[in-house]
């Protein structure tokens, strides 16, 4: 029974690692920077600079990409479940043969 728990644990951990969000691997972007400029005889006025805006995303392309990603995750999950079922079934068969011998 301990081996079965170990296999299930490995399967769950593998599924979690396999379906990890790509946002975790994405580097962070720097925040906007505030710069203070001083001139002789002038008051200090903070000059605001903003980071360049990101790319413009098309909602249709985003939805298509999300559906493809979801489909791929479902297929991978189904394959993992089938493989786990095969392993459990094989271990049951092996245990029955060992018990009868």
PDB file of N, CA and C in Angstrom:
ATOM      1  N   UNK A   1       0.821  -1.187   0.000  1.00  0.00           N
ATOM      2  CA  UNK A   1       0.000   0.000   0.000  1.00  0.00           C
ATOM      3  C   UNK A   1       0.872   1.261   0.000  1.00  0.00           C
ATOM      4  N   UNK A   2       2.042   1.167   0.640  1.00  0.00           N
ATOM      5  CA  UNK A   2       2.938   2.327   0.690  1.00  0.00           C
ATOM      6  C   UNK A   2       3.467   2.659  -0.705  1.00  0.00           C
ATOM      7  N   UNK A   3       3.696   1.620  -1.501  1.00  0.00           N
ATOM      8  CA  UNK A   3       4.174   1.867  -2.856  1.00  0.00           C
ATOM      9  C   UNK A   3       3.105   2.586  -3.679  1.00  0.00           C
ATOM     10  N   UNK A   4       1.851   2.209  -3.475  1.00  0.00           N
ATOM     11  CA  UNK A   4       0.765   2.854  -4.191  1.00  0.00           C
ATOM     12  C   UNK A   4       0.668   4.328  -3.804  1.00  0.00           C
ATOM     13  N   UNK A   5       0.803   4.604  -2.501  1.00  0.00           N
ATOM     14  CA  UNK A   5       0.780   6.004  -2.068  1.00  0.00           C
ATOM     15  C   UNK A   5       1.946   6.780  -2.676  1.00  0.00           C
ATOM     16  N   UNK A   6       3.094   6.133  -2.760  1.00  0.00           N
ATOM     17  CA  UNK A   6       4.247   6.791  -3.373  1.00  0.00           C
ATOM     18  C   UNK A   6       4.012   7.077  -4.845  1.00  0.00           C
ATOM     19  N   UNK A   7       3.413   6.135  -5.548  1.00  0.00           N
ATOM     20  CA  UNK A   7       3.116   6.356  -6.972  1.00  0.00           C
ATOM     21  C   UNK A   7       2.113   7.481  -7.166  1.00  0.00           C
ATOM     22  N   UNK A   8       1.088   7.518  -6.319  1.00  0.00           N
ATOM     23  CA  UNK A   8       0.094   8.580  -6.422  1.00  0.00           C
ATOM     24  C   UNK A   8       0.742   9.923  -6.129  1.00  0.00           C
ATOM     25  N   UNK A   9       1.600   9.965  -5.125  1.00  0.00           N
ATOM     26  CA  UNK A   9       2.292  11.207  -4.784  1.00  0.00           C
ATOM     27  C   UNK A   9       3.161  11.680  -5.947  1.00  0.00           C
ATOM     28  N   UNK A  10       3.895  10.765  -6.561  1.00  0.00           N
ATOM     29  CA  UNK A  10       4.730  11.125  -7.705  1.00  0.00           C
ATOM     30  C   UNK A  10       3.861  11.607  -8.863  1.00  0.00           C
ATOM     31  N   UNK A  11       2.728  10.951  -9.082  1.00  0.00           N
ATOM     32  CA  UNK A  11       1.816  11.366 -10.150  1.00  0.00           C
ATOM     33  C   UNK A  11       1.266  12.758  -9.918  1.00  0.00           C
ATOM     34  N   UNK A  12       0.874  13.034  -8.685  1.00  0.00           N
ATOM     35  CA  UNK A  12       0.330  14.361  -8.364  1.00  0.00           C
ATOM     36  C   UNK A  12       1.405  15.426  -8.505  1.00  0.00           C
ATOM     37  N   UNK A  13       2.593  15.160  -7.983  1.00  0.00           N
ATOM     38  CA  UNK A  13       3.672  16.142  -8.093  1.00  0.00           C
ATOM     39  C   UNK A  13       4.058  16.364  -9.546  1.00  0.00           C
ATOM     40  N   UNK A  14       4.081  15.291 -10.329  1.00  0.00           N
ATOM     41  CA  UNK A  14       4.398  15.428 -11.750  1.00  0.00           C
ATOM     42  C   UNK A  14       3.356  16.256 -12.467  1.00  0.00           C
ATOM     43  N   UNK A  15       2.083  16.051 -12.141  1.00  0.00           N
ATOM     44  CA  UNK A  15       1.018  16.816 -12.776  1.00  0.00           C
ATOM     45  C   UNK A  15       1.112  18.286 -12.394  1.00  0.00           C
ATOM     46  N   UNK A  16       1.441  18.556 -11.129  1.00  0.00           N
ATOM     47  CA  UNK A  16       1.564  19.948 -10.690  1.00  0.00           C
ATOM     48  C   UNK A  16       2.731  20.626 -11.394  1.00  0.00           C
ATOM     49  N   UNK A  17       3.858  19.936 -11.483  1.00  0.00           N
ATOM     50  CA  UNK A  17       5.017  20.539 -12.128  1.00  0.00           C
ATOM     51  C   UNK A  17       4.811  20.676 -13.630  1.00  0.00           C
ATOM     52  N   UNK A  18       4.108  19.717 -14.224  1.00  0.00           N
ATOM     53  CA  UNK A  18       3.896  19.745 -15.666  1.00  0.00           C
ATOM     54  C   UNK A  18       2.954  20.868 -16.067  1.00  0.00           C
ATOM     55  N   UNK A  19       1.986  21.174 -15.214  1.00  0.00           N
ATOM     56  CA  UNK A  19       0.996  22.188 -15.543  1.00  0.00           C
ATOM     57  C   UNK A  19       1.253  23.505 -14.818  1.00  0.00           C
ATOM     58  N   UNK A  20       2.490  23.739 -14.367  1.00  0.00           N
ATOM     59  CA  UNK A  20       2.827  24.979 -13.668  1.00  0.00           C
ATOM     60  C   UNK A  20       2.612  26.166 -14.588  1.00  0.00           C
ATOM     61  N   UNK A  21       2.213  27.268 -14.021  1.00  0.00           N
ATOM     62  CA  UNK A  21       1.918  28.472 -14.784  1.00  0.00           C
ATOM     63  C   UNK A  21       3.184  29.066 -15.377  1.00  0.00           C
ATOM     64  N   UNK A  22       3.159  29.432 -16.673  1.00  0.00           N
ATOM     65  CA  UNK A  22       4.334  30.065 -17.259  1.00  0.00           C
ATOM     66  C   UNK A  22       4.572  31.465 -16.704  1.00  0.00           C
ATOM     67  N   UNK A  23       3.571  32.028 -16.018  1.00  0.00           N
ATOM     68  CA  UNK A  23       3.745  33.355 -15.427  1.00  0.00           C
ATOM     69  C   UNK A  23       4.801  33.322 -14.331  1.00  0.00           C
ATOM     70  N   UNK A  24       4.997  32.155 -13.713  1.00  0.00           N
ATOM     71  CA  UNK A  24       6.010  32.053 -12.660  1.00  0.00           C
ATOM     72  C   UNK A  24       7.411  32.163 -13.237  1.00  0.00           C
ATOM     73  N   UNK A  25       7.601  31.738 -14.471  1.00  0.00           N
ATOM     74  CA  UNK A  25       8.917  31.767 -15.097  1.00  0.00           C
ATOM     75  C   UNK A  25       9.192  33.090 -15.798  1.00  0.00           C
ATOM     76  N   UNK A  26       8.190  33.939 -15.900  1.00  0.00           N
ATOM     77  CA  UNK A  26       8.332  35.205 -16.604  1.00  0.00           C
ATOM     78  C   UNK A  26       9.072  36.217 -15.735  1.00  0.00           C
ATOM     79  N   UNK A  27      10.079  36.910 -16.286  1.00  0.00           N
ATOM     80  CA  UNK A  27      10.805  37.891 -15.473  1.00  0.00           C
ATOM     81  C   UNK A  27       9.925  39.091 -15.141  1.00  0.00           C
ATOM     82  N   UNK A  28      10.213  39.708 -14.010  1.00  0.00           N
ATOM     83  CA  UNK A  28       9.441  40.875 -13.598  1.00  0.00           C
ATOM     84  C   UNK A  28       9.916  42.108 -14.342  1.00  0.00           C
ATOM     85  N   UNK A  29       9.001  42.994 -14.656  1.00  0.00           N
ATOM     86  CA  UNK A  29       9.330  44.236 -15.349  1.00  0.00           C
ATOM     87  C   UNK A  29       9.613  45.324 -14.313  1.00  0.00           C
ATOM     88  N   UNK A  30      10.545  46.236 -14.618  1.00  0.00           N
ATOM     89  CA  UNK A  30      10.828  47.305 -13.660  1.00  0.00           C
ATOM     90  C   UNK A  30       9.654  48.283 -13.567  1.00  0.00           C
ATOM     91  N   UNK A  31       9.478  48.860 -12.393  1.00  0.00           N
ATOM     92  CA  UNK A  31       8.404  49.817 -12.177  1.00  0.00           C
ATOM     93  C   UNK A  31       8.805  51.181 -12.737  1.00  0.00           C
ATOM     94  N   UNK A  32       7.856  52.120 -12.744  1.00  0.00           N
ATOM     95  CA  UNK A  32       8.126  53.477 -13.214  1.00  0.00           C
ATOM     96  C   UNK A  32       9.155  54.132 -12.282  1.00  0.00           C
ATOM     97  N   UNK A  33       9.987  55.001 -12.842  1.00  0.00           N
ATOM     98  CA  UNK A  33      11.062  55.631 -12.093  1.00  0.00           C
ATOM     99  C   UNK A  33      10.736  57.108 -11.910  1.00  0.00           C
ATOM    100  N   UNK A  34      10.945  57.630 -10.709  1.00  0.00           N
ATOM    101  CA  UNK A  34      10.723  59.037 -10.438  1.00  0.00           C
ATOM    102  C   UNK A  34      12.092  59.723 -10.349  1.00  0.00           C
ATOM    103  N   UNK A  35      12.257  60.814 -11.108  1.00  0.00           N
ATOM    104  CA  UNK A  35      13.527  61.523 -11.158  1.00  0.00           C
ATOM    105  C   UNK A  35      13.292  62.970 -10.725  1.00  0.00           C
ATOM    106  N   UNK A  36      14.185  63.495  -9.880  1.00  0.00           N
ATOM    107  CA  UNK A  36      14.094  64.885  -9.447  1.00  0.00           C
ATOM    108  C   UNK A  36      15.168  65.689 -10.175  1.00  0.00           C
ATOM    109  N   UNK A  37      14.728  66.799 -10.799  1.00  0.00           N
ATOM    110  CA  UNK A  37      15.646  67.636 -11.565  1.00  0.00           C
ATOM    111  C   UNK A  37      15.781  68.981 -10.852  1.00  0.00           C
ATOM    112  N   UNK A  38      17.020  69.438 -10.648  1.00  0.00           N
ATOM    113  CA  UNK A  38      17.255  70.715  -9.975  1.00  0.00           C
ATOM    114  C   UNK A  38      17.981  71.667 -10.924  1.00  0.00           C
ATOM    115  N   UNK A  39      17.517  72.900 -10.978  1.00  0.00           N
ATOM    116  CA  UNK A  39      18.177  73.943 -11.762  1.00  0.00           C
ATOM    117  C   UNK A  39      18.578  75.048 -10.806  1.00  0.00           C
ATOM    118  N   UNK A  40      19.556  75.825 -11.188  1.00  0.00           N
ATOM    119  CA  UNK A  40      19.991  76.929 -10.326  1.00  0.00           C
ATOM    120  C   UNK A  40      18.860  77.952 -10.216  1.00  0.00           C
ATOM    121  N   UNK A  41      18.401  78.221  -9.002  1.00  0.00           N
ATOM    122  CA  UNK A  41      17.376  79.224  -8.778  1.00  0.00           C
ATOM    123  C   UNK A  41      15.962  78.698  -8.980  1.00  0.00           C
ATOM    124  N   UNK A  42      15.798  77.470  -9.413  1.00  0.00           N
ATOM    125  CA  UNK A  42      14.452  76.929  -9.634  1.00  0.00           C
ATOM    126  C   UNK A  42      14.107  75.961  -8.497  1.00  0.00           C
ATOM    127  N   UNK A  43      12.841  75.836  -8.264  1.00  0.00           N
ATOM    128  CA  UNK A  43      12.383  74.912  -7.221  1.00  0.00           C
ATOM    129  C   UNK A  43      12.526  73.471  -7.731  1.00  0.00           C
ATOM    130  N   UNK A  44      12.659  72.562  -6.783  1.00  0.00           N
ATOM    131  CA  UNK A  44      12.753  71.155  -7.155  1.00  0.00           C
ATOM    132  C   UNK A  44      11.378  70.655  -7.593  1.00  0.00           C
ATOM    133  N   UNK A  45      11.326  70.135  -8.805  1.00  0.00           N
ATOM    134  CA  UNK A  45      10.073  69.621  -9.336  1.00  0.00           C
ATOM    135  C   UNK A  45      10.308  68.171  -9.750  1.00  0.00           C
ATOM    136  N   UNK A  46       9.583  67.263  -9.158  1.00  0.00           N
ATOM    137  CA  UNK A  46       9.777  65.869  -9.563  1.00  0.00           C
ATOM    138  C   UNK A  46       9.242  65.638 -10.978  1.00  0.00           C
ATOM    139  N   UNK A  47      10.062  65.061 -11.812  1.00  0.00           N
ATOM    140  CA  UNK A  47       9.650  64.747 -13.179  1.00  0.00           C
ATOM    141  C   UNK A  47       9.275  63.271 -13.219  1.00  0.00           C
ATOM    142  N   UNK A  48       8.086  62.973 -13.635  1.00  0.00           N
ATOM    143  CA  UNK A  48       7.604  61.596 -13.701  1.00  0.00           C
ATOM    144  C   UNK A  48       7.936  60.987 -15.058  1.00  0.00           C
ATOM    145  N   UNK A  49       8.561  59.848 -15.017  1.00  0.00           N
ATOM    146  CA  UNK A  49       8.783  59.099 -16.256  1.00  0.00           C
ATOM    147  C   UNK A  49       8.088  57.761 -16.090  1.00  0.00           C
ATOM    148  N   UNK A  50       7.477  57.315 -17.126  1.00  0.00           N
ATOM    149  CA  UNK A  50       6.770  56.037 -17.056  1.00  0.00           C
ATOM    150  C   UNK A  50       7.437  55.048 -17.988  1.00  0.00           C
ATOM    151  N   UNK A  51       7.288  53.802 -17.648  1.00  0.00           N
ATOM    152  CA  UNK A  51       7.833  52.751 -18.496  1.00  0.00           C
ATOM    153  C   UNK A  51       7.009  52.672 -19.775  1.00  0.00           C
ATOM    154  N   UNK A  52       7.651  52.204 -20.816  1.00  0.00           N
ATOM    155  CA  UNK A  52       6.927  52.047 -22.070  1.00  0.00           C
ATOM    156  C   UNK A  52       5.788  51.053 -21.882  1.00  0.00           C
ATOM    157  N   UNK A  53       4.637  51.350 -22.489  1.00  0.00           N
ATOM    158  CA  UNK A  53       3.536  50.401 -22.345  1.00  0.00           C
ATOM    159  C   UNK A  53       3.859  49.092 -23.062  1.00  0.00           C
ATOM    160  N   UNK A  54       3.249  48.033 -22.603  1.00  0.00           N
ATOM    161  CA  UNK A  54       3.488  46.717 -23.198  1.00  0.00           C
ATOM    162  C   UNK A  54       2.838  46.614 -24.565  1.00  0.00           C
ATOM    163  N   UNK A  55       2.962  45.472 -25.169  1.00  0.00           N
ATOM    164  CA  UNK A  55       2.366  45.282 -26.490  1.00  0.00           C
ATOM    165  C   UNK A  55       0.844  45.283 -26.403  1.00  0.00           C
ATOM    166  N   UNK A  56       0.213  45.655 -27.491  1.00  0.00           N
ATOM    167  CA  UNK A  56      -1.240  45.657 -27.560  1.00  0.00           C
ATOM    168  C   UNK A  56      -1.679  44.230 -27.899  1.00  0.00           C
ATOM    169  N   UNK A  57      -2.532  43.676 -27.055  1.00  0.00           N
ATOM    170  CA  UNK A  57      -2.972  42.303 -27.234  1.00  0.00           C
ATOM    171  C   UNK A  57      -4.349  42.262 -27.873  1.00  0.00           C
ATOM    172  N   UNK A  58      -4.494  41.395 -28.841  1.00  0.00           N
ATOM    173  CA  UNK A  58      -5.772  41.198 -29.502  1.00  0.00           C
ATOM    174  C   UNK A  58      -6.574  40.180 -28.691  1.00  0.00           C
ATOM    175  N   UNK A  59      -7.764  40.532 -28.213  1.00  0.00           N
ATOM    176  CA  UNK A  59      -8.546  39.593 -27.399  1.00  0.00           C
ATOM    177  C   UNK A  59      -8.859  38.281 -28.124  1.00  0.00           C
ATOM    178  N   UNK A  60      -9.050  38.331 -29.427  1.00  0.00           N
ATOM    179  CA  UNK A  60      -9.358  37.110 -30.175  1.00  0.00           C
ATOM    180  C   UNK A  60      -8.167  36.148 -30.141  1.00  0.00           C
ATOM    181  N   UNK A  61      -6.965  36.693 -30.307  1.00  0.00           N
ATOM    182  CA  UNK A  61      -5.774  35.843 -30.264  1.00  0.00           C
ATOM    183  C   UNK A  61      -5.539  35.310 -28.854  1.00  0.00           C
ATOM    184  N   UNK A  62      -5.808  36.131 -27.857  1.00  0.00           N
ATOM    185  CA  UNK A  62      -5.633  35.711 -26.468  1.00  0.00           C
ATOM    186  C   UNK A  62      -6.596  34.571 -26.131  1.00  0.00           C
ATOM    187  N   UNK A  63      -7.854  34.715 -26.540  1.00  0.00           N
ATOM    188  CA  UNK A  63      -8.831  33.659 -26.279  1.00  0.00           C
ATOM    189  C   UNK A  63      -8.446  32.370 -26.992  1.00  0.00           C
ATOM    190  N   UNK A  64      -7.976  32.478 -28.230  1.00  0.00           N
ATOM    191  CA  UNK A  64      -7.566  31.298 -28.988  1.00  0.00           C
ATOM    192  C   UNK A  64      -6.392  30.609 -28.294  1.00  0.00           C
ATOM    193  N   UNK A  65      -5.411  31.391 -27.848  1.00  0.00           N
ATOM    194  CA  UNK A  65      -4.246  30.826 -27.164  1.00  0.00           C
ATOM    195  C   UNK A  65      -4.663  30.162 -25.858  1.00  0.00           C
ATOM    196  N   UNK A  66      -5.585  30.781 -25.128  1.00  0.00           N
ATOM    197  CA  UNK A  66      -6.048  30.195 -23.861  1.00  0.00           C
ATOM    198  C   UNK A  66      -6.790  28.887 -24.092  1.00  0.00           C
ATOM    199  N   UNK A  67      -7.604  28.814 -25.147  1.00  0.00           N
ATOM    200  CA  UNK A  67      -8.325  27.567 -25.415  1.00  0.00           C
ATOM    201  C   UNK A  67      -7.362  26.462 -25.835  1.00  0.00           C
ATOM    202  N   UNK A  68      -6.341  26.798 -26.607  1.00  0.00           N
ATOM    203  CA  UNK A  68      -5.341  25.802 -27.003  1.00  0.00           C
ATOM    204  C   UNK A  68      -4.563  25.303 -25.783  1.00  0.00           C
ATOM    205  N   UNK A  69      -4.216  26.213 -24.898  1.00  0.00           N
ATOM    206  CA  UNK A  69      -3.482  25.844 -23.689  1.00  0.00           C
ATOM    207  C   UNK A  69      -4.339  24.941 -22.798  1.00  0.00           C
ATOM    208  N   UNK A  70      -5.607  25.275 -22.648  1.00  0.00           N
ATOM    209  CA  UNK A  70      -6.517  24.469 -21.844  1.00  0.00           C
ATOM    210  C   UNK A  70      -6.679  23.080 -22.456  1.00  0.00           C
ATOM    211  N   UNK A  71      -6.802  23.030 -23.773  1.00  0.00           N
ATOM    212  CA  UNK A  71      -6.935  21.744 -24.465  1.00  0.00           C
ATOM    213  C   UNK A  71      -5.694  20.881 -24.234  1.00  0.00           C
ATOM    214  N   UNK A  72      -4.508  21.485 -24.338  1.00  0.00           N
ATOM    215  CA  UNK A  72      -3.262  20.750 -24.113  1.00  0.00           C
ATOM    216  C   UNK A  72      -3.170  20.232 -22.680  1.00  0.00           C
ATOM    217  N   UNK A  73      -3.602  21.037 -21.711  1.00  0.00           N
ATOM    218  CA  UNK A  73      -3.572  20.614 -20.313  1.00  0.00           C
ATOM    219  C   UNK A  73      -4.538  19.467 -20.071  1.00  0.00           C
ATOM    220  N   UNK A  74      -5.709  19.517 -20.690  1.00  0.00           N
ATOM    221  CA  UNK A  74      -6.678  18.436 -20.529  1.00  0.00           C
ATOM    222  C   UNK A  74      -6.151  17.136 -21.130  1.00  0.00           C
ATOM    223  N   UNK A  75      -5.522  17.228 -22.291  1.00  0.00           N
ATOM    224  CA  UNK A  75      -4.960  16.038 -22.928  1.00  0.00           C
ATOM    225  C   UNK A  75      -3.856  15.451 -22.046  1.00  0.00           C
ATOM    226  N   UNK A  76      -2.983  16.300 -21.538  1.00  0.00           N
ATOM    227  CA  UNK A  76      -1.893  15.829 -20.680  1.00  0.00           C
ATOM    228  C   UNK A  76      -2.447  15.202 -19.403  1.00  0.00           C
ATOM    229  N   UNK A  77      -3.460  15.789 -18.822  1.00  0.00           N
ATOM    230  CA  UNK A  77      -4.077  15.230 -17.623  1.00  0.00           C
ATOM    231  C   UNK A  77      -4.734  13.893 -17.898  1.00  0.00           C
ATOM    232  N   UNK A  78      -5.391  13.767 -19.040  1.00  0.00           N
ATOM    233  CA  UNK A  78      -6.021  12.505 -19.416  1.00  0.00           C
ATOM    234  C   UNK A  78      -4.975  11.411 -19.617  1.00  0.00           C
ATOM    235  N   UNK A  79      -3.892  11.746 -20.296  1.00  0.00           N
ATOM    236  CA  UNK A  79      -2.814  10.779 -20.504  1.00  0.00           C
ATOM    237  C   UNK A  79      -2.225  10.347 -19.159  1.00  0.00           C
ATOM    238  N   UNK A  80      -2.012  11.291 -18.251  1.00  0.00           N
ATOM    239  CA  UNK A  80      -1.465  10.963 -16.930  1.00  0.00           C
ATOM    240  C   UNK A  80      -2.419  10.052 -16.158  1.00  0.00           C
ATOM    241  N   UNK A  81      -3.722  10.320 -16.244  1.00  0.00           N
ATOM    242  CA  UNK A  81      -4.700   9.485 -15.541  1.00  0.00           C
ATOM    243  C   UNK A  81      -4.727   8.070 -16.114  1.00  0.00           C
ATOM    244  N   UNK A  82      -4.648   7.943 -17.440  1.00  0.00           N
ATOM    245  CA  UNK A  82      -4.639   6.619 -18.071  1.00  0.00           C
ATOM    246  C   UNK A  82      -3.389   5.845 -17.666  1.00  0.00           C
ATOM    247  N   UNK A  83      -2.246   6.496 -17.677  1.00  0.00           N
ATOM    248  CA  UNK A  83      -1.009   5.825 -17.280  1.00  0.00           C
ATOM    249  C   UNK A  83      -1.055   5.386 -15.814  1.00  0.00           C
ATOM    250  N   UNK A  84      -1.604   6.228 -14.959  1.00  0.00           N
ATOM    251  CA  UNK A  84      -1.740   5.864 -13.549  1.00  0.00           C
ATOM    252  C   UNK A  84      -2.661   4.662 -13.388  1.00  0.00           C
ATOM    253  N   UNK A  85      -3.759   4.636 -14.140  1.00  0.00           N
ATOM    254  CA  UNK A  85      -4.684   3.498 -14.077  1.00  0.00           C
ATOM    255  C   UNK A  85      -3.996   2.217 -14.536  1.00  0.00           C
ATOM    256  N   UNK A  86      -3.182   2.303 -15.584  1.00  0.00           N
ATOM    257  CA  UNK A  86      -2.454   1.124 -16.071  1.00  0.00           C
ATOM    258  C   UNK A  86      -1.490   0.612 -15.002  1.00  0.00           C
ATOM    259  N   UNK A  87      -0.795   1.509 -14.347  1.00  0.00           N
ATOM    260  CA  UNK A  87       0.160   1.114 -13.305  1.00  0.00           C
ATOM    261  C   UNK A  87      -0.562   0.451 -12.138  1.00  0.00           C
ATOM    262  N   UNK A  88      -1.654   1.043 -11.678  1.00  0.00           N
ATOM    263  CA  UNK A  88      -2.406   0.471 -10.556  1.00  0.00           C
ATOM    264  C   UNK A  88      -2.965  -0.892 -10.940  1.00  0.00           C
ATOM    265  N   UNK A  89      -3.525  -1.025 -12.134  1.00  0.00           N
ATOM    266  CA  UNK A  89      -4.074  -2.303 -12.594  1.00  0.00           C
ATOM    267  C   UNK A  89      -2.972  -3.362 -12.659  1.00  0.00           C
ATOM    268  N   UNK A  90      -1.809  -3.009 -13.194  1.00  0.00           N
ATOM    269  CA  UNK A  90      -0.700  -3.953 -13.282  1.00  0.00           C
ATOM    270  C   UNK A  90      -0.221  -4.404 -11.916  1.00  0.00           C
ATOM    271  N   UNK A  91      -0.183  -3.505 -10.962  1.00  0.00           N
ATOM    272  CA  UNK A  91       0.244  -3.876  -9.610  1.00  0.00           C
ATOM    273  C   UNK A  91      -0.773  -4.796  -8.936  1.00  0.00           C
ATOM    274  N   UNK A  92      -2.046  -4.588  -9.214  1.00  0.00           N
ATOM    275  CA  UNK A  92      -3.072  -5.492  -8.667  1.00  0.00           C
ATOM    276  C   UNK A  92      -2.904  -6.894  -9.235  1.00  0.00           C
ATOM    277  N   UNK A  93      -2.686  -6.965 -10.538  1.00  0.00           N
ATOM    278  CA  UNK A  93      -2.488  -8.269 -11.188  1.00  0.00           C
ATOM    279  C   UNK A  93      -1.262  -8.962 -10.584  1.00  0.00           C
ATOM    280  N   UNK A  94      -0.184  -8.210 -10.423  1.00  0.00           N
ATOM    281  CA  UNK A  94       1.048  -8.779  -9.855  1.00  0.00           C
ATOM    282  C   UNK A  94       0.820  -9.258  -8.414  1.00  0.00           C
ATOM    283  N   UNK A  95       0.075  -8.478  -7.638  1.00  0.00           N
ATOM    284  CA  UNK A  95      -0.192  -8.861  -6.249  1.00  0.00           C
ATOM    285  C   UNK A  95      -1.038 -10.142  -6.192  1.00  0.00           C
ATOM    286  N   UNK A  96      -2.018 -10.262  -7.076  1.00  0.00           N
ATOM    287  CA  UNK A  96      -2.858 -11.474  -7.100  1.00  0.00           C
ATOM    288  C   UNK A  96      -2.039 -12.700  -7.475  1.00  0.00           C
ATOM    289  N   UNK A  97      -1.143 -12.545  -8.446  1.00  0.00           N
ATOM    290  CA  UNK A  97      -0.283 -13.673  -8.859  1.00  0.00           C
ATOM    291  C   UNK A  97       0.644 -14.067  -7.719  1.00  0.00           C
ATOM    292  N   UNK A  98       1.201 -13.104  -7.028  1.00  0.00           N
ATOM    293  CA  UNK A  98       2.121 -13.395  -5.926  1.00  0.00           C
ATOM    294  C   UNK A  98       1.371 -14.050  -4.759  1.00  0.00           C
ATOM    295  N   UNK A  99       0.148 -13.657  -4.537  1.00  0.00           N
ATOM    296  CA  UNK A  99      -0.646 -14.199  -3.447  1.00  0.00           C
ATOM    297  C   UNK A  99      -1.043 -15.648  -3.738  1.00  0.00           C
ATOM    298  N   UNK A 100      -1.342 -15.942  -5.002  1.00  0.00           N
ATOM    299  CA  UNK A 100      -1.787 -17.289  -5.352  1.00  0.00           C
ATOM    300  C   UNK A 100      -0.610 -18.275  -5.451  1.00  0.00           C
ATOM    301  N   UNK A 101       0.587 -17.789  -5.604  1.00  0.00           N
ATOM    302  CA  UNK A 101       1.753 -18.690  -5.747  1.00  0.00           C
ATOM    303  C   UNK A 101       2.292 -19.192  -4.447  1.00  0.00           C
TER     304      UNK A 101
END
